[in-house]
Amino acid sequence: MSSPLRFAKSIALPLLFFLVLCAPAANAEQVKNLKPQGYVNDFAGVLSAQAKDKLTALCAEVDQKAKAQIAVVTVSSLEGEPIEQFSIDLATAWGIGPKQKDRGVLILVAPNDRK
């Protein structure tokens, strides 16, 4: 396994736990209404400015070093949709990761649904 890929994997799990801990929330979102605004998209409004800055810096570093993109997204609710389908729809709509390569990661948190 290459060093940048190992680096990316080593941060994914701690990053996910960090996001889950930061999450109590607001209103439901629909994939079609969500527009990406960088690596970190806090539609649920659960991340502090400091947390967003740290996550953005980390995602930028992974993009630069590993040539892989991480999108961190919080939504208040999945509106009853399975998280797997919501995440696939969102990742497809946004095109996470470099074109022609399978190097994109979506970290999705829906605090109202505890997912």
PDB file of N, CA and C in Angstrom:
ATOM      1  N   MET A   1       0.846  -1.175   0.000  1.00  0.00           N
ATOM      2  CA  MET A   1       0.000   0.000   0.000  1.00  0.00           C
ATOM      3  C   MET A   1       0.890   1.236   0.000  1.00  0.00           C
ATOM      4  N   SER A   2       0.520   2.201  -0.834  1.00  0.00           N
ATOM      5  CA  SER A   2       1.338   3.411  -0.925  1.00  0.00           C
ATOM      6  C   SER A   2       1.173   4.266   0.322  1.00  0.00           C
ATOM      7  N   SER A   3       2.169   5.071   0.591  1.00  0.00           N
ATOM      8  CA  SER A   3       2.169   5.914   1.783  1.00  0.00           C
ATOM      9  C   SER A   3       1.016   6.918   1.792  1.00  0.00           C
ATOM     10  N   PRO A   4       0.718   7.628   0.672  1.00  0.00           N
ATOM     11  CA  PRO A   4      -0.404   8.564   0.708  1.00  0.00           C
ATOM     12  C   PRO A   4      -1.740   7.868   0.958  1.00  0.00           C
ATOM     13  N   LEU A   5      -1.912   6.665   0.402  1.00  0.00           N
ATOM     14  CA  LEU A   5      -3.159   5.941   0.604  1.00  0.00           C
ATOM     15  C   LEU A   5      -3.280   5.500   2.061  1.00  0.00           C
ATOM     16  N   ARG A   6      -2.190   5.043   2.640  1.00  0.00           N
ATOM     17  CA  ARG A   6      -2.177   4.649   4.042  1.00  0.00           C
ATOM     18  C   ARG A   6      -2.500   5.865   4.914  1.00  0.00           C
ATOM     19  N   PHE A   7      -1.948   7.021   4.550  1.00  0.00           N
ATOM     20  CA  PHE A   7      -2.209   8.267   5.271  1.00  0.00           C
ATOM     21  C   PHE A   7      -3.706   8.589   5.233  1.00  0.00           C
ATOM     22  N   ALA A   8      -4.308   8.484   4.047  1.00  0.00           N
ATOM     23  CA  ALA A   8      -5.733   8.796   3.893  1.00  0.00           C
ATOM     24  C   ALA A   8      -6.587   7.840   4.726  1.00  0.00           C
ATOM     25  N   LYS A   9      -6.259   6.559   4.707  1.00  0.00           N
ATOM     26  CA  LYS A   9      -7.022   5.585   5.485  1.00  0.00           C
ATOM     27  C   LYS A   9      -6.865   5.815   6.980  1.00  0.00           C
ATOM     28  N   SER A  10      -5.688   6.236   7.395  1.00  0.00           N
ATOM     29  CA  SER A  10      -5.439   6.420   8.824  1.00  0.00           C
ATOM     30  C   SER A  10      -6.217   7.598   9.399  1.00  0.00           C
ATOM     31  N   ILE A  11      -6.657   8.521   8.564  1.00  0.00           N
ATOM     32  CA  ILE A  11      -7.405   9.666   9.085  1.00  0.00           C
ATOM     33  C   ILE A  11      -8.912   9.513   8.915  1.00  0.00           C
ATOM     34  N   ALA A  12      -9.361   8.624   8.041  1.00  0.00           N
ATOM     35  CA  ALA A  12     -10.790   8.508   7.753  1.00  0.00           C
ATOM     36  C   ALA A  12     -11.607   8.110   8.983  1.00  0.00           C
ATOM     37  N   LEU A  13     -11.202   7.089   9.709  1.00  0.00           N
ATOM     38  CA  LEU A  13     -11.968   6.632  10.863  1.00  0.00           C
ATOM     39  C   LEU A  13     -11.993   7.652  11.995  1.00  0.00           C
ATOM     40  N   PRO A  14     -10.849   8.205  12.394  1.00  0.00           N
ATOM     41  CA  PRO A  14     -10.911   9.239  13.436  1.00  0.00           C
ATOM     42  C   PRO A  14     -11.748  10.451  13.009  1.00  0.00           C
ATOM     43  N   LEU A  15     -11.699  10.789  11.732  1.00  0.00           N
ATOM     44  CA  LEU A  15     -12.486  11.906  11.226  1.00  0.00           C
ATOM     45  C   LEU A  15     -13.980  11.606  11.341  1.00  0.00           C
ATOM     46  N   LEU A  16     -14.366  10.392  11.013  1.00  0.00           N
ATOM     47  CA  LEU A  16     -15.768   9.995  11.117  1.00  0.00           C
ATOM     48  C   LEU A  16     -16.245  10.071  12.565  1.00  0.00           C
ATOM     49  N   PHE A  17     -15.451   9.540  13.507  1.00  0.00           N
ATOM     50  CA  PHE A  17     -15.832   9.608  14.913  1.00  0.00           C
ATOM     51  C   PHE A  17     -15.944  11.057  15.382  1.00  0.00           C
ATOM     52  N   PHE A  18     -15.044  11.898  14.940  1.00  0.00           N
ATOM     53  CA  PHE A  18     -15.072  13.319  15.289  1.00  0.00           C
ATOM     54  C   PHE A  18     -16.389  13.943  14.836  1.00  0.00           C
ATOM     55  N   LEU A  19     -16.802  13.632  13.612  1.00  0.00           N
ATOM     56  CA  LEU A  19     -18.037  14.199  13.082  1.00  0.00           C
ATOM     57  C   LEU A  19     -19.264  13.721  13.842  1.00  0.00           C
ATOM     58  N   VAL A  20     -19.289  12.445  14.184  1.00  0.00           N
ATOM     59  CA  VAL A  20     -20.430  11.910  14.917  1.00  0.00           C
ATOM     60  C   VAL A  20     -20.549  12.578  16.285  1.00  0.00           C
ATOM     61  N   LEU A  21     -19.438  12.853  16.911  1.00  0.00           N
ATOM     62  CA  LEU A  21     -19.466  13.496  18.218  1.00  0.00           C
ATOM     63  C   LEU A  21     -19.920  14.956  18.155  1.00  0.00           C
ATOM     64  N   CYS A  22     -19.781  15.568  17.005  1.00  0.00           N
ATOM     65  CA  CYS A  22     -20.118  16.982  16.850  1.00  0.00           C
ATOM     66  C   CYS A  22     -21.565  17.195  16.430  1.00  0.00           C
ATOM     67  N   ALA A  23     -22.439  16.226  16.583  1.00  0.00           N
ATOM     68  CA  ALA A  23     -23.689  16.293  15.870  1.00  0.00           C
ATOM     69  C   ALA A  23     -25.008  16.288  16.629  1.00  0.00           C
ATOM     70  N   PRO A  24     -25.646  17.309  17.047  1.00  0.00           N
ATOM     71  CA  PRO A  24     -27.079  17.310  17.399  1.00  0.00           C
ATOM     72  C   PRO A  24     -27.814  18.134  16.330  1.00  0.00           C
ATOM     73  N   ALA A  25     -29.078  18.575  15.929  1.00  0.00           N
ATOM     74  CA  ALA A  25     -29.242  19.248  14.636  1.00  0.00           C
ATOM     75  C   ALA A  25     -30.497  20.012  14.252  1.00  0.00           C
ATOM     76  N   ALA A  26     -30.739  20.178  12.942  1.00  0.00           N
ATOM     77  CA  ALA A  26     -31.769  21.072  12.433  1.00  0.00           C
ATOM     78  C   ALA A  26     -32.738  20.394  11.471  1.00  0.00           C
ATOM     79  N   ASN A  27     -32.854  20.881  10.218  1.00  0.00           N
ATOM     80  CA  ASN A  27     -33.865  20.392   9.285  1.00  0.00           C
ATOM     81  C   ASN A  27     -33.336  19.412   8.244  1.00  0.00           C
ATOM     82  N   ALA A  28     -34.275  18.693   7.621  1.00  0.00           N
ATOM     83  CA  ALA A  28     -33.937  17.688   6.612  1.00  0.00           C
ATOM     84  C   ALA A  28     -33.508  18.352   5.306  1.00  0.00           C
ATOM     85  N   GLU A  29     -32.718  17.645   4.543  1.00  0.00           N
ATOM     86  CA  GLU A  29     -32.218  18.137   3.260  1.00  0.00           C
ATOM     87  C   GLU A  29     -32.522  17.121   2.164  1.00  0.00           C
ATOM     88  N   GLN A  30     -32.645  17.593   0.943  1.00  0.00           N
ATOM     89  CA  GLN A  30     -32.793  16.727  -0.217  1.00  0.00           C
ATOM     90  C   GLN A  30     -31.540  16.870  -1.057  1.00  0.00           C
ATOM     91  N   VAL A  31     -31.092  15.748  -1.632  1.00  0.00           N
ATOM     92  CA  VAL A  31     -29.859  15.745  -2.414  1.00  0.00           C
ATOM     93  C   VAL A  31     -29.892  16.804  -3.499  1.00  0.00           C
ATOM     94  N   LYS A  32     -30.989  16.939  -4.192  1.00  0.00           N
ATOM     95  CA  LYS A  32     -31.065  17.890  -5.312  1.00  0.00           C
ATOM     96  C   LYS A  32     -30.878  19.341  -4.872  1.00  0.00           C
ATOM     97  N   ASN A  33     -31.132  19.631  -3.600  1.00  0.00           N
ATOM     98  CA  ASN A  33     -30.997  21.000  -3.097  1.00  0.00           C
ATOM     99  C   ASN A  33     -29.619  21.296  -2.498  1.00  0.00           C
ATOM    100  N   LEU A  34     -28.798  20.282  -2.359  1.00  0.00           N
ATOM    101  CA  LEU A  34     -27.488  20.456  -1.734  1.00  0.00           C
ATOM    102  C   LEU A  34     -26.444  20.830  -2.784  1.00  0.00           C
ATOM    103  N   LYS A  35     -25.758  21.914  -2.553  1.00  0.00           N
ATOM    104  CA  LYS A  35     -24.709  22.384  -3.467  1.00  0.00           C
ATOM    105  C   LYS A  35     -23.384  22.410  -2.719  1.00  0.00           C
ATOM    106  N   PRO A  36     -22.365  21.721  -3.255  1.00  0.00           N
ATOM    107  CA  PRO A  36     -21.082  21.696  -2.558  1.00  0.00           C
ATOM    108  C   PRO A  36     -20.421  23.064  -2.518  1.00  0.00           C
ATOM    109  N   GLN A  37     -19.798  23.345  -1.390  1.00  0.00           N
ATOM    110  CA  GLN A  37     -19.088  24.615  -1.216  1.00  0.00           C
ATOM    111  C   GLN A  37     -17.719  24.359  -0.616  1.00  0.00           C
ATOM    112  N   GLY A  38     -17.023  23.383  -1.176  1.00  0.00           N
ATOM    113  CA  GLY A  38     -15.704  23.033  -0.671  1.00  0.00           C
ATOM    114  C   GLY A  38     -15.701  21.624  -0.114  1.00  0.00           C
ATOM    115  N   TYR A  39     -14.654  21.315   0.640  1.00  0.00           N
ATOM    116  CA  TYR A  39     -14.515  19.975   1.207  1.00  0.00           C
ATOM    117  C   TYR A  39     -15.514  19.706   2.327  1.00  0.00           C
ATOM    118  N   VAL A  40     -15.852  20.733   3.105  1.00  0.00           N
ATOM    119  CA  VAL A  40     -16.715  20.569   4.275  1.00  0.00           C
ATOM    120  C   VAL A  40     -18.014  21.328   4.046  1.00  0.00           C
ATOM    121  N   ASN A  41     -19.125  20.598   4.109  1.00  0.00           N
ATOM    122  CA  ASN A  41     -20.446  21.174   3.877  1.00  0.00           C
ATOM    123  C   ASN A  41     -21.332  20.832   5.070  1.00  0.00           C
ATOM    124  N   ASP A  42     -21.519  21.801   5.943  1.00  0.00           N
ATOM    125  CA  ASP A  42     -22.243  21.593   7.200  1.00  0.00           C
ATOM    126  C   ASP A  42     -23.672  22.120   7.071  1.00  0.00           C
ATOM    127  N   PHE A  43     -24.504  21.388   6.340  1.00  0.00           N
ATOM    128  CA  PHE A  43     -25.890  21.811   6.129  1.00  0.00           C
ATOM    129  C   PHE A  43     -26.718  21.672   7.402  1.00  0.00           C
ATOM    130  N   ALA A  44     -26.295  20.832   8.340  1.00  0.00           N
ATOM    131  CA  ALA A  44     -27.009  20.661   9.603  1.00  0.00           C
ATOM    132  C   ALA A  44     -26.613  21.723  10.625  1.00  0.00           C
ATOM    133  N   GLY A  45     -25.530  22.438  10.358  1.00  0.00           N
ATOM    134  CA  GLY A  45     -25.094  23.493  11.270  1.00  0.00           C
ATOM    135  C   GLY A  45     -24.583  22.970  12.597  1.00  0.00           C
ATOM    136  N   VAL A  46     -23.844  21.868  12.566  1.00  0.00           N
ATOM    137  CA  VAL A  46     -23.371  21.260  13.810  1.00  0.00           C
ATOM    138  C   VAL A  46     -21.879  21.431  14.059  1.00  0.00           C
ATOM    139  N   LEU A  47     -21.152  21.935  13.098  1.00  0.00           N
ATOM    140  CA  LEU A  47     -19.702  22.078  13.245  1.00  0.00           C
ATOM    141  C   LEU A  47     -19.333  23.514  13.593  1.00  0.00           C
ATOM    142  N   SER A  48     -18.408  23.655  14.504  1.00  0.00           N
ATOM    143  CA  SER A  48     -17.912  24.989  14.841  1.00  0.00           C
ATOM    144  C   SER A  48     -17.020  25.487  13.704  1.00  0.00           C
ATOM    145  N   ALA A  49     -16.755  26.769  13.685  1.00  0.00           N
ATOM    146  CA  ALA A  49     -15.870  27.343  12.668  1.00  0.00           C
ATOM    147  C   ALA A  49     -14.484  26.706  12.761  1.00  0.00           C
ATOM    148  N   GLN A  50     -14.014  26.476  13.979  1.00  0.00           N
ATOM    149  CA  GLN A  50     -12.703  25.861  14.177  1.00  0.00           C
ATOM    150  C   GLN A  50     -12.681  24.431  13.629  1.00  0.00           C
ATOM    151  N   ALA A  51     -13.736  23.669  13.874  1.00  0.00           N
ATOM    152  CA  ALA A  51     -13.813  22.292  13.368  1.00  0.00           C
ATOM    153  C   ALA A  51     -13.831  22.284  11.841  1.00  0.00           C
ATOM    154  N   LYS A  52     -14.601  23.190  11.249  1.00  0.00           N
ATOM    155  CA  LYS A  52     -14.657  23.284   9.781  1.00  0.00           C
ATOM    156  C   LYS A  52     -13.274  23.603   9.214  1.00  0.00           C
ATOM    157  N   ASP A  53     -12.580  24.542   9.848  1.00  0.00           N
ATOM    158  CA  ASP A  53     -11.243  24.918   9.378  1.00  0.00           C
ATOM    159  C   ASP A  53     -10.274  23.747   9.451  1.00  0.00           C
ATOM    160  N   LYS A  54     -10.305  23.001  10.557  1.00  0.00           N
ATOM    161  CA  LYS A  54      -9.410  21.855  10.719  1.00  0.00           C
ATOM    162  C   LYS A  54      -9.732  20.758   9.705  1.00  0.00           C
ATOM    163  N   LEU A  55     -11.020  20.486   9.527  1.00  0.00           N
ATOM    164  CA  LEU A  55     -11.419  19.461   8.564  1.00  0.00           C
ATOM    165  C   LEU A  55     -11.056  19.870   7.137  1.00  0.00           C
ATOM    166  N   THR A  56     -11.257  21.130   6.814  1.00  0.00           N
ATOM    167  CA  THR A  56     -10.916  21.628   5.480  1.00  0.00           C
ATOM    168  C   THR A  56      -9.423  21.483   5.225  1.00  0.00           C
ATOM    169  N   ALA A  57      -8.607  21.839   6.200  1.00  0.00           N
ATOM    170  CA  ALA A  57      -7.160  21.709   6.048  1.00  0.00           C
ATOM    171  C   ALA A  57      -6.757  20.249   5.873  1.00  0.00           C
ATOM    172  N   LEU A  58      -7.373  19.372   6.631  1.00  0.00           N
ATOM    173  CA  LEU A  58      -7.066  17.948   6.530  1.00  0.00           C
ATOM    174  C   LEU A  58      -7.467  17.388   5.164  1.00  0.00           C
ATOM    175  N   CYS A  59      -8.647  17.749   4.696  1.00  0.00           N
ATOM    176  CA  CYS A  59      -9.114  17.283   3.386  1.00  0.00           C
ATOM    177  C   CYS A  59      -8.228  17.818   2.263  1.00  0.00           C
ATOM    178  N   ALA A  60      -7.802  19.063   2.374  1.00  0.00           N
ATOM    179  CA  ALA A  60      -6.908  19.647   1.370  1.00  0.00           C
ATOM    180  C   ALA A  60      -5.571  18.919   1.341  1.00  0.00           C
ATOM    181  N   GLU A  61      -5.067  18.565   2.527  1.00  0.00           N
ATOM    182  CA  GLU A  61      -3.796  17.847   2.606  1.00  0.00           C
ATOM    183  C   GLU A  61      -3.907  16.463   1.945  1.00  0.00           C
ATOM    184  N   VAL A  62      -5.003  15.766   2.196  1.00  0.00           N
ATOM    185  CA  VAL A  62      -5.214  14.456   1.569  1.00  0.00           C
ATOM    186  C   VAL A  62      -5.313  14.613   0.055  1.00  0.00           C
ATOM    187  N   ASP A  63      -6.018  15.624  -0.393  1.00  0.00           N
ATOM    188  CA  ASP A  63      -6.161  15.870  -1.830  1.00  0.00           C
ATOM    189  C   ASP A  63      -4.793  16.128  -2.461  1.00  0.00           C
ATOM    190  N   GLN A  64      -3.988  16.930  -1.803  1.00  0.00           N
ATOM    191  CA  GLN A  64      -2.669  17.278  -2.331  1.00  0.00           C
ATOM    192  C   GLN A  64      -1.708  16.096  -2.303  1.00  0.00           C
ATOM    193  N   LYS A  65      -1.647  15.386  -1.180  1.00  0.00           N
ATOM    194  CA  LYS A  65      -0.662  14.320  -1.017  1.00  0.00           C
ATOM    195  C   LYS A  65      -1.085  12.991  -1.637  1.00  0.00           C
ATOM    196  N   ALA A  66      -2.344  12.638  -1.502  1.00  0.00           N
ATOM    197  CA  ALA A  66      -2.809  11.329  -1.963  1.00  0.00           C
ATOM    198  C   ALA A  66      -3.584  11.403  -3.276  1.00  0.00           C
ATOM    199  N   LYS A  67      -3.830  12.627  -3.744  1.00  0.00           N
ATOM    200  CA  LYS A  67      -4.630  12.824  -4.960  1.00  0.00           C
ATOM    201  C   LYS A  67      -5.990  12.141  -4.824  1.00  0.00           C
ATOM    202  N   ALA A  68      -6.562  12.245  -3.623  1.00  0.00           N
ATOM    203  CA  ALA A  68      -7.887  11.708  -3.329  1.00  0.00           C
ATOM    204  C   ALA A  68      -8.678  12.809  -2.634  1.00  0.00           C
ATOM    205  N   GLN A  69      -9.975  12.822  -2.874  1.00  0.00           N
ATOM    206  CA  GLN A  69     -10.804  13.863  -2.267  1.00  0.00           C
ATOM    207  C   GLN A  69     -11.716  13.280  -1.206  1.00  0.00           C
ATOM    208  N   ILE A  70     -11.830  14.015  -0.112  1.00  0.00           N
ATOM    209  CA  ILE A  70     -12.767  13.679   0.948  1.00  0.00           C
ATOM    210  C   ILE A  70     -13.783  14.807   1.018  1.00  0.00           C
ATOM    211  N   ALA A  71     -15.057  14.453   0.959  1.00  0.00           N
ATOM    212  CA  ALA A  71     -16.130  15.419   1.154  1.00  0.00           C
ATOM    213  C   ALA A  71     -16.790  15.096   2.494  1.00  0.00           C
ATOM    214  N   VAL A  72     -16.840  16.072   3.367  1.00  0.00           N
ATOM    215  CA  VAL A  72     -17.482  15.918   4.668  1.00  0.00           C
ATOM    216  C   VAL A  72     -18.808  16.669   4.593  1.00  0.00           C
ATOM    217  N   VAL A  73     -19.901  15.940   4.841  1.00  0.00           N
ATOM    218  CA  VAL A  73     -21.231  16.527   4.696  1.00  0.00           C
ATOM    219  C   VAL A  73     -22.079  16.186   5.917  1.00  0.00           C
ATOM    220  N   THR A  74     -22.714  17.203   6.477  1.00  0.00           N
ATOM    221  CA  THR A  74     -23.707  16.968   7.517  1.00  0.00           C
ATOM    222  C   THR A  74     -25.055  17.433   6.982  1.00  0.00           C
ATOM    223  N   VAL A  75     -26.059  16.618   7.188  1.00  0.00           N
ATOM    224  CA  VAL A  75     -27.447  16.979   6.886  1.00  0.00           C
ATOM    225  C   VAL A  75     -28.254  16.658   8.132  1.00  0.00           C
ATOM    226  N   SER A  76     -29.272  17.411   8.385  1.00  0.00           N
ATOM    227  CA  SER A  76     -30.059  17.189   9.593  1.00  0.00           C
ATOM    228  C   SER A  76     -30.744  15.838   9.578  1.00  0.00           C
ATOM    229  N   SER A  77     -31.344  15.500   8.437  1.00  0.00           N
ATOM    230  CA  SER A  77     -32.103  14.259   8.330  1.00  0.00           C
ATOM    231  C   SER A  77     -32.018  13.720   6.917  1.00  0.00           C
ATOM    232  N   LEU A  78     -32.209  12.428   6.788  1.00  0.00           N
ATOM    233  CA  LEU A  78     -32.209  11.762   5.484  1.00  0.00           C
ATOM    234  C   LEU A  78     -33.619  11.670   4.911  1.00  0.00           C
ATOM    235  N   GLU A  79     -34.598  12.214   5.621  1.00  0.00           N
ATOM    236  CA  GLU A  79     -36.006  12.181   5.223  1.00  0.00           C
ATOM    237  C   GLU A  79     -36.492  10.766   4.943  1.00  0.00           C
ATOM    238  N   GLY A  80     -36.072   9.833   5.759  1.00  0.00           N
ATOM    239  CA  GLY A  80     -36.536   8.461   5.627  1.00  0.00           C
ATOM    240  C   GLY A  80     -35.803   7.631   4.583  1.00  0.00           C
ATOM    241  N   GLU A  81     -34.940   8.256   3.812  1.00  0.00           N
ATOM    242  CA  GLU A  81     -34.188   7.524   2.790  1.00  0.00           C
ATOM    243  C   GLU A  81     -33.039   6.760   3.451  1.00  0.00           C
ATOM    244  N   PRO A  82     -32.751   5.543   2.990  1.00  0.00           N
ATOM    245  CA  PRO A  82     -31.605   4.822   3.557  1.00  0.00           C
ATOM    246  C   PRO A  82     -30.315   5.611   3.337  1.00  0.00           C
ATOM    247  N   ILE A  83     -29.450   5.611   4.340  1.00  0.00           N
ATOM    248  CA  ILE A  83     -28.213   6.391   4.250  1.00  0.00           C
ATOM    249  C   ILE A  83     -27.365   5.951   3.063  1.00  0.00           C
ATOM    250  N   GLU A  84     -27.397   4.658   2.742  1.00  0.00           N
ATOM    251  CA  GLU A  84     -26.612   4.164   1.608  1.00  0.00           C
ATOM    252  C   GLU A  84     -27.069   4.823   0.304  1.00  0.00           C
ATOM    253  N   GLN A  85     -28.390   4.891   0.099  1.00  0.00           N
ATOM    254  CA  GLN A  85     -28.914   5.491  -1.130  1.00  0.00           C
ATOM    255  C   GLN A  85     -28.671   6.993  -1.166  1.00  0.00           C
ATOM    256  N   PHE A  86     -28.878   7.664  -0.037  1.00  0.00           N
ATOM    257  CA  PHE A  86     -28.652   9.106   0.049  1.00  0.00           C
ATOM    258  C   PHE A  86     -27.200   9.424  -0.288  1.00  0.00           C
ATOM    259  N   SER A  87     -26.274   8.659   0.297  1.00  0.00           N
ATOM    260  CA  SER A  87     -24.851   8.930   0.067  1.00  0.00           C
ATOM    261  C   SER A  87     -24.446   8.647  -1.379  1.00  0.00           C
ATOM    262  N   ILE A  88     -24.982   7.581  -1.968  1.00  0.00           N
ATOM    263  CA  ILE A  88     -24.683   7.285  -3.380  1.00  0.00           C
ATOM    264  C   ILE A  88     -25.213   8.398  -4.271  1.00  0.00           C
ATOM    265  N   ASP A  89     -26.445   8.819  -4.021  1.00  0.00           N
ATOM    266  CA  ASP A  89     -27.035   9.905  -4.817  1.00  0.00           C
ATOM    267  C   ASP A  89     -26.222  11.186  -4.687  1.00  0.00           C
ATOM    268  N   LEU A  90     -25.808  11.505  -3.474  1.00  0.00           N
ATOM    269  CA  LEU A  90     -25.039  12.728  -3.239  1.00  0.00           C
ATOM    270  C   LEU A  90     -23.662  12.654  -3.898  1.00  0.00           C
ATOM    271  N   ALA A  91     -22.969  11.552  -3.694  1.00  0.00           N
ATOM    272  CA  ALA A  91     -21.631  11.391  -4.289  1.00  0.00           C
ATOM    273  C   ALA A  91     -21.696  11.425  -5.808  1.00  0.00           C
ATOM    274  N   THR A  92     -22.732  10.829  -6.379  1.00  0.00           N
ATOM    275  CA  THR A  92     -22.904  10.838  -7.837  1.00  0.00           C
ATOM    276  C   THR A  92     -23.205  12.253  -8.339  1.00  0.00           C
ATOM    277  N   ALA A  93     -24.100  12.943  -7.649  1.00  0.00           N
ATOM    278  CA  ALA A  93     -24.472  14.304  -8.059  1.00  0.00           C
ATOM    279  C   ALA A  93     -23.288  15.256  -7.971  1.00  0.00           C
ATOM    280  N   TRP A  94     -22.487  15.113  -6.945  1.00  0.00           N
ATOM    281  CA  TRP A  94     -21.362  16.022  -6.735  1.00  0.00           C
ATOM    282  C   TRP A  94     -20.100  15.603  -7.465  1.00  0.00           C
ATOM    283  N   GLY A  95     -19.981  14.330  -7.839  1.00  0.00           N
ATOM    284  CA  GLY A  95     -18.771  13.872  -8.520  1.00  0.00           C
ATOM    285  C   GLY A  95     -17.542  13.967  -7.641  1.00  0.00           C
ATOM    286  N   ILE A  96     -17.611  13.392  -6.463  1.00  0.00           N
ATOM    287  CA  ILE A  96     -16.506  13.463  -5.504  1.00  0.00           C
ATOM    288  C   ILE A  96     -15.322  12.645  -6.007  1.00  0.00           C
ATOM    289  N   GLY A  97     -14.155  13.244  -5.989  1.00  0.00           N
ATOM    290  CA  GLY A  97     -12.931  12.582  -6.425  1.00  0.00           C
ATOM    291  C   GLY A  97     -12.559  12.997  -7.830  1.00  0.00           C
ATOM    292  N   PRO A  98     -11.295  12.784  -8.180  1.00  0.00           N
ATOM    293  CA  PRO A  98     -10.826  13.140  -9.524  1.00  0.00           C
ATOM    294  C   PRO A  98     -11.543  12.318 -10.598  1.00  0.00           C
ATOM    295  N   LYS A  99     -11.817  12.928 -11.738  1.00  0.00           N
ATOM    296  CA  LYS A  99     -12.459  12.206 -12.837  1.00  0.00           C
ATOM    297  C   LYS A  99     -11.586  11.054 -13.291  1.00  0.00           C
ATOM    298  N   GLN A 100     -12.228   9.989 -13.745  1.00  0.00           N
ATOM    299  CA  GLN A 100     -11.564   8.791 -14.261  1.00  0.00           C
ATOM    300  C   GLN A 100     -10.798   8.012 -13.206  1.00  0.00           C
ATOM    301  N   LYS A 101     -10.940   8.358 -11.933  1.00  0.00           N
ATOM    302  CA  LYS A 101     -10.248   7.628 -10.870  1.00  0.00           C
ATOM    303  C   LYS A 101     -11.236   7.348  -9.746  1.00  0.00           C
ATOM    304  N   ASP A 102     -11.021   6.256  -9.075  1.00  0.00           N
ATOM    305  CA  ASP A 102     -11.880   5.868  -7.970  1.00  0.00           C
ATOM    306  C   ASP A 102     -11.231   6.309  -6.663  1.00  0.00           C
ATOM    307  N   ARG A 103     -11.127   7.648  -6.457  1.00  0.00           N
ATOM    308  CA  ARG A 103     -10.386   8.159  -5.309  1.00  0.00           C
ATOM    309  C   ARG A 103     -11.160   9.272  -4.599  1.00  0.00           C
ATOM    310  N   GLY A 104     -12.428   8.982  -4.329  1.00  0.00           N
ATOM    311  CA  GLY A 104     -13.244   9.933  -3.602  1.00  0.00           C
ATOM    312  C   GLY A 104     -13.902   9.267  -2.403  1.00  0.00           C
ATOM    313  N   VAL A 105     -14.009  10.010  -1.301  1.00  0.00           N
ATOM    314  CA  VAL A 105     -14.625   9.498  -0.080  1.00  0.00           C
ATOM    315  C   VAL A 105     -15.662  10.512   0.380  1.00  0.00           C
ATOM    316  N   LEU A 106     -16.845  10.023   0.690  1.00  0.00           N
ATOM    317  CA  LEU A 106     -17.897  10.868   1.246  1.00  0.00           C
ATOM    318  C   LEU A 106     -18.109  10.453   2.696  1.00  0.00           C
ATOM    319  N   ILE A 107     -17.987  11.403   3.599  1.00  0.00           N
ATOM    320  CA  ILE A 107     -18.308  11.164   5.005  1.00  0.00           C
ATOM    321  C   ILE A 107     -19.588  11.941   5.267  1.00  0.00           C
ATOM    322  N   LEU A 108     -20.662  11.202   5.496  1.00  0.00           N
ATOM    323  CA  LEU A 108     -21.991  11.781   5.650  1.00  0.00           C
ATOM    324  C   LEU A 108     -22.496  11.535   7.066  1.00  0.00           C
ATOM    325  N   VAL A 109     -22.980  12.599   7.707  1.00  0.00           N
ATOM    326  CA  VAL A 109     -23.544  12.506   9.048  1.00  0.00           C
ATOM    327  C   VAL A 109     -24.934  13.132   9.031  1.00  0.00           C
ATOM    328  N   ALA A 110     -25.911  12.371   9.545  1.00  0.00           N
ATOM    329  CA  ALA A 110     -27.276  12.860   9.671  1.00  0.00           C
ATOM    330  C   ALA A 110     -27.663  12.753  11.148  1.00  0.00           C
ATOM    331  N   PRO A 111     -27.394  13.779  11.947  1.00  0.00           N
ATOM    332  CA  PRO A 111     -27.560  13.699  13.395  1.00  0.00           C
ATOM    333  C   PRO A 111     -28.979  13.420  13.871  1.00  0.00           C
ATOM    334  N   ASN A 112     -29.983  13.979  13.219  1.00  0.00           N
ATOM    335  CA  ASN A 112     -31.355  13.724  13.664  1.00  0.00           C
ATOM    336  C   ASN A 112     -31.748  12.272  13.494  1.00  0.00           C
ATOM    337  N   ASP A 113     -31.123  11.588  12.545  1.00  0.00           N
ATOM    338  CA  ASP A 113     -31.404  10.178  12.293  1.00  0.00           C
ATOM    339  C   ASP A 113     -30.405   9.268  12.992  1.00  0.00           C
ATOM    340  N   ARG A 114     -29.415   9.889  13.676  1.00  0.00           N
ATOM    341  CA  ARG A 114     -28.355   9.145  14.350  1.00  0.00           C
ATOM    342  C   ARG A 114     -27.623   8.215  13.381  1.00  0.00           C
ATOM    343  N   LYS A 115     -27.319   8.766  12.215  1.00  0.00           N
ATOM    344  CA  LYS A 115     -26.601   8.007  11.174  1.00  0.00           C
ATOM    345  C   LYS A 115     -25.398   8.803  10.734  1.00  0.00           C
TER     346      LYS A 115
END
